Amino acid sequence: MTIISAERRGSFLGVLERHWTSKGYKLVTTSPNGLVAHFRTQDGFQLEVLIAPNGQAHLSVTTPCVDKSEVAQPTSKPNGPDYARQELPAPDVRSSFWSSDAPLG
């Protein structure tokens, strides 16, 4: 829910890219505007990170094909807001670093 300023969005994606490639994940594609990146793990998971126009980072994971199995619903409550059945609110957390409009360097 942290606001990532326009000046820091590229840096945020760069931090994720360095971390994920250090884990052996392969960068597959990036968007022309540099605000979306797709990665693939060695075992076929696909990761996406995108920065929305309001500065909110979205991370998603797609699993490789699997056999259907019975999985019980979680029995514990989320350790924070549960947005599973509603639209995500706009980011509202300001970080002294990630939300800063000051240029890096």
C-alpha atoms as a PDB file:
ATOM      1  CA  MET A   1       0.000   0.000   0.000  1.00  0.00           C
ATOM      2  CA  THR A   2       3.098   2.207  -0.235  1.00  0.00           C
ATOM      3  CA  ILE A   3       3.056   5.063  -2.734  1.00  0.00           C
ATOM      4  CA  ILE A   4       6.044   4.776  -5.061  1.00  0.00           C
ATOM      5  CA  SER A   5       6.783   8.171  -6.613  1.00  0.00           C
ATOM      6  CA  ALA A   6       7.270   8.487 -10.358  1.00  0.00           C
ATOM      7  CA  GLU A   7      10.944   9.316  -9.683  1.00  0.00           C
ATOM      8  CA  ARG A   8      11.508   6.044  -7.760  1.00  0.00           C
ATOM      9  CA  ARG A   9       9.497   3.518  -9.820  1.00  0.00           C
ATOM     10  CA  GLY A  10      12.395   2.513 -12.059  1.00  0.00           C
ATOM     11  CA  SER A  11      14.614   2.017  -9.013  1.00  0.00           C
ATOM     12  CA  PHE A  12      11.973  -0.133  -7.335  1.00  0.00           C
ATOM     13  CA  LEU A  13      11.753  -2.381 -10.399  1.00  0.00           C
ATOM     14  CA  GLY A  14      15.546  -2.490 -10.570  1.00  0.00           C
ATOM     15  CA  VAL A  15      15.767  -3.712  -6.961  1.00  0.00           C
ATOM     16  CA  LEU A  16      13.240  -6.474  -7.709  1.00  0.00           C
ATOM     17  CA  GLU A  17      15.012  -7.424 -10.934  1.00  0.00           C
ATOM     18  CA  ARG A  18      18.401  -7.732  -9.221  1.00  0.00           C
ATOM     19  CA  HIS A  19      16.901  -9.788  -6.391  1.00  0.00           C
ATOM     20  CA  TRP A  20      14.925 -12.129  -8.631  1.00  0.00           C
ATOM     21  CA  THR A  21      17.769 -12.659 -11.128  1.00  0.00           C
ATOM     22  CA  SER A  22      20.111 -13.388  -8.186  1.00  0.00           C
ATOM     23  CA  LYS A  23      17.687 -16.210  -7.312  1.00  0.00           C
ATOM     24  CA  GLY A  24      18.028 -17.607 -10.853  1.00  0.00           C
ATOM     25  CA  TYR A  25      14.782 -16.174 -12.225  1.00  0.00           C
ATOM     26  CA  LYS A  26      14.926 -15.133 -15.869  1.00  0.00           C
ATOM     27  CA  LEU A  27      13.674 -11.740 -17.054  1.00  0.00           C
ATOM     28  CA  VAL A  28      11.273 -12.552 -19.910  1.00  0.00           C
ATOM     29  CA  THR A  29       9.747  -9.213 -20.931  1.00  0.00           C
ATOM     30  CA  THR A  30       9.442  -5.602 -19.909  1.00  0.00           C
ATOM     31  CA  SER A  31       6.929  -3.044 -21.086  1.00  0.00           C
ATOM     32  CA  PRO A  32       8.040  -0.129 -23.294  1.00  0.00           C
ATOM     33  CA  ASN A  33       7.356   2.308 -20.442  1.00  0.00           C
ATOM     34  CA  GLY A  34       9.407   0.160 -18.039  1.00  0.00           C
ATOM     35  CA  LEU A  35       6.606  -0.202 -15.491  1.00  0.00           C
ATOM     36  CA  VAL A  36       5.826  -3.895 -16.057  1.00  0.00           C
ATOM     37  CA  ALA A  37       8.244  -6.835 -15.953  1.00  0.00           C
ATOM     38  CA  HIS A  38       7.736 -10.584 -16.305  1.00  0.00           C
ATOM     39  CA  PHE A  39      10.072 -13.255 -14.941  1.00  0.00           C
ATOM     40  CA  ARG A  40      10.136 -17.055 -15.050  1.00  0.00           C
ATOM     41  CA  THR A  41      11.530 -19.404 -12.420  1.00  0.00           C
ATOM     42  CA  GLN A  42      13.429 -22.606 -13.181  1.00  0.00           C
ATOM     43  CA  ASP A  43      10.370 -24.677 -12.252  1.00  0.00           C
ATOM     44  CA  GLY A  44       7.938 -22.778 -14.495  1.00  0.00           C
ATOM     45  CA  PHE A  45       6.353 -20.207 -12.199  1.00  0.00           C
ATOM     46  CA  GLN A  46       5.800 -16.830 -13.842  1.00  0.00           C
ATOM     47  CA  LEU A  47       6.131 -13.613 -11.849  1.00  0.00           C
ATOM     48  CA  GLU A  48       4.775 -10.210 -12.818  1.00  0.00           C
ATOM     49  CA  VAL A  49       5.424  -6.862 -11.227  1.00  0.00           C
ATOM     50  CA  LEU A  50       3.712  -3.702 -12.379  1.00  0.00           C
ATOM     51  CA  ILE A  51       3.545  -0.191 -11.063  1.00  0.00           C
ATOM     52  CA  ALA A  52       0.084   1.329 -11.419  1.00  0.00           C
ATOM     53  CA  PRO A  53      -0.330   4.998 -12.390  1.00  0.00           C
ATOM     54  CA  ASN A  54      -1.103   5.862  -8.749  1.00  0.00           C
ATOM     55  CA  GLY A  55       2.264   4.429  -7.662  1.00  0.00           C
ATOM     56  CA  GLN A  56       1.070   1.147  -6.181  1.00  0.00           C
ATOM     57  CA  ALA A  57       3.160  -1.969  -6.885  1.00  0.00           C
ATOM     58  CA  HIS A  58       1.275  -5.106  -7.890  1.00  0.00           C
ATOM     59  CA  LEU A  59       2.931  -8.517  -7.732  1.00  0.00           C
ATOM     60  CA  SER A  60       1.364 -11.657  -9.156  1.00  0.00           C
ATOM     61  CA  VAL A  61       2.438 -15.262  -9.624  1.00  0.00           C
ATOM     62  CA  THR A  62       1.157 -17.823 -12.108  1.00  0.00           C
ATOM     63  CA  THR A  63       1.845 -21.466 -11.347  1.00  0.00           C
ATOM     64  CA  PRO A  64       2.786 -24.069 -13.926  1.00  0.00           C
ATOM     65  CA  CYS A  65       0.206 -26.727 -14.772  1.00  0.00           C
ATOM     66  CA  VAL A  66      -0.601 -28.899 -11.792  1.00  0.00           C
ATOM     67  CA  ASP A  67      -2.917 -31.775 -11.042  1.00  0.00           C
ATOM     68  CA  LYS A  68      -6.138 -30.810  -9.306  1.00  0.00           C
ATOM     69  CA  SER A  69      -6.086 -31.689  -5.628  1.00  0.00           C
ATOM     70  CA  GLU A  70      -8.204 -30.947  -2.598  1.00  0.00           C
ATOM     71  CA  VAL A  71      -6.803 -28.069  -0.625  1.00  0.00           C
ATOM     72  CA  ALA A  72      -8.506 -26.863   2.528  1.00  0.00           C
ATOM     73  CA  GLN A  73      -9.335 -23.185   2.874  1.00  0.00           C
ATOM     74  CA  PRO A  74      -7.082 -21.309   5.301  1.00  0.00           C
ATOM     75  CA  THR A  75      -8.238 -21.517   8.902  1.00  0.00           C
ATOM     76  CA  SER A  76      -6.420 -18.402  10.142  1.00  0.00           C
ATOM     77  CA  LYS A  77      -7.381 -14.815   9.445  1.00  0.00           C
ATOM     78  CA  PRO A  78      -5.074 -12.601   7.317  1.00  0.00           C
ATOM     79  CA  ASN A  79      -2.394 -10.663   9.164  1.00  0.00           C
ATOM     80  CA  GLY A  80      -3.745  -7.452   7.658  1.00  0.00           C
ATOM     81  CA  PRO A  81      -6.605  -6.249   5.485  1.00  0.00           C
ATOM     82  CA  ASP A  82      -8.211  -8.953   3.328  1.00  0.00           C
ATOM     83  CA  TYR A  83      -8.862  -7.554  -0.142  1.00  0.00           C
ATOM     84  CA  ALA A  84      -9.697 -10.936  -1.677  1.00  0.00           C
ATOM     85  CA  ARG A  85     -13.288 -10.051  -2.562  1.00  0.00           C
ATOM     86  CA  GLN A  86     -13.069  -6.319  -3.142  1.00  0.00           C
ATOM     87  CA  GLU A  87     -11.290  -3.728  -5.236  1.00  0.00           C
ATOM     88  CA  LEU A  88      -7.924  -2.654  -3.899  1.00  0.00           C
ATOM     89  CA  PRO A  89      -7.938   0.819  -2.393  1.00  0.00           C
ATOM     90  CA  ALA A  90      -5.488   3.466  -3.587  1.00  0.00           C
ATOM     91  CA  PRO A  91      -2.075   3.344  -1.894  1.00  0.00           C
ATOM     92  CA  ASP A  92      -2.012   5.461   1.235  1.00  0.00           C
ATOM     93  CA  VAL A  93       1.312   4.749   2.954  1.00  0.00           C
ATOM     94  CA  ARG A  94       4.105   7.280   2.466  1.00  0.00           C
ATOM     95  CA  SER A  95       7.717   6.163   2.684  1.00  0.00           C
ATOM     96  CA  SER A  96      10.482   8.705   3.220  1.00  0.00           C
ATOM     97  CA  PHE A  97      12.434   6.933   0.447  1.00  0.00           C
ATOM     98  CA  TRP A  98       9.997   5.259  -2.005  1.00  0.00           C
ATOM     99  CA  SER A  99       7.442   8.089  -1.961  1.00  0.00           C
ATOM    100  CA  SER A 100      10.039  10.858  -2.324  1.00  0.00           C
ATOM    101  CA  ASP A 101       9.943  13.110  -5.377  1.00  0.00           C
ATOM    102  CA  ALA A 102      13.648  13.869  -4.997  1.00  0.00           C
ATOM    103  CA  PRO A 103      15.803  12.430  -7.790  1.00  0.00           C
ATOM    104  CA  LEU A 104      18.196   9.637  -6.856  1.00  0.00           C
ATOM    105  CA  GLY A 105      21.881  10.294  -6.721  1.00  0.00           C
END
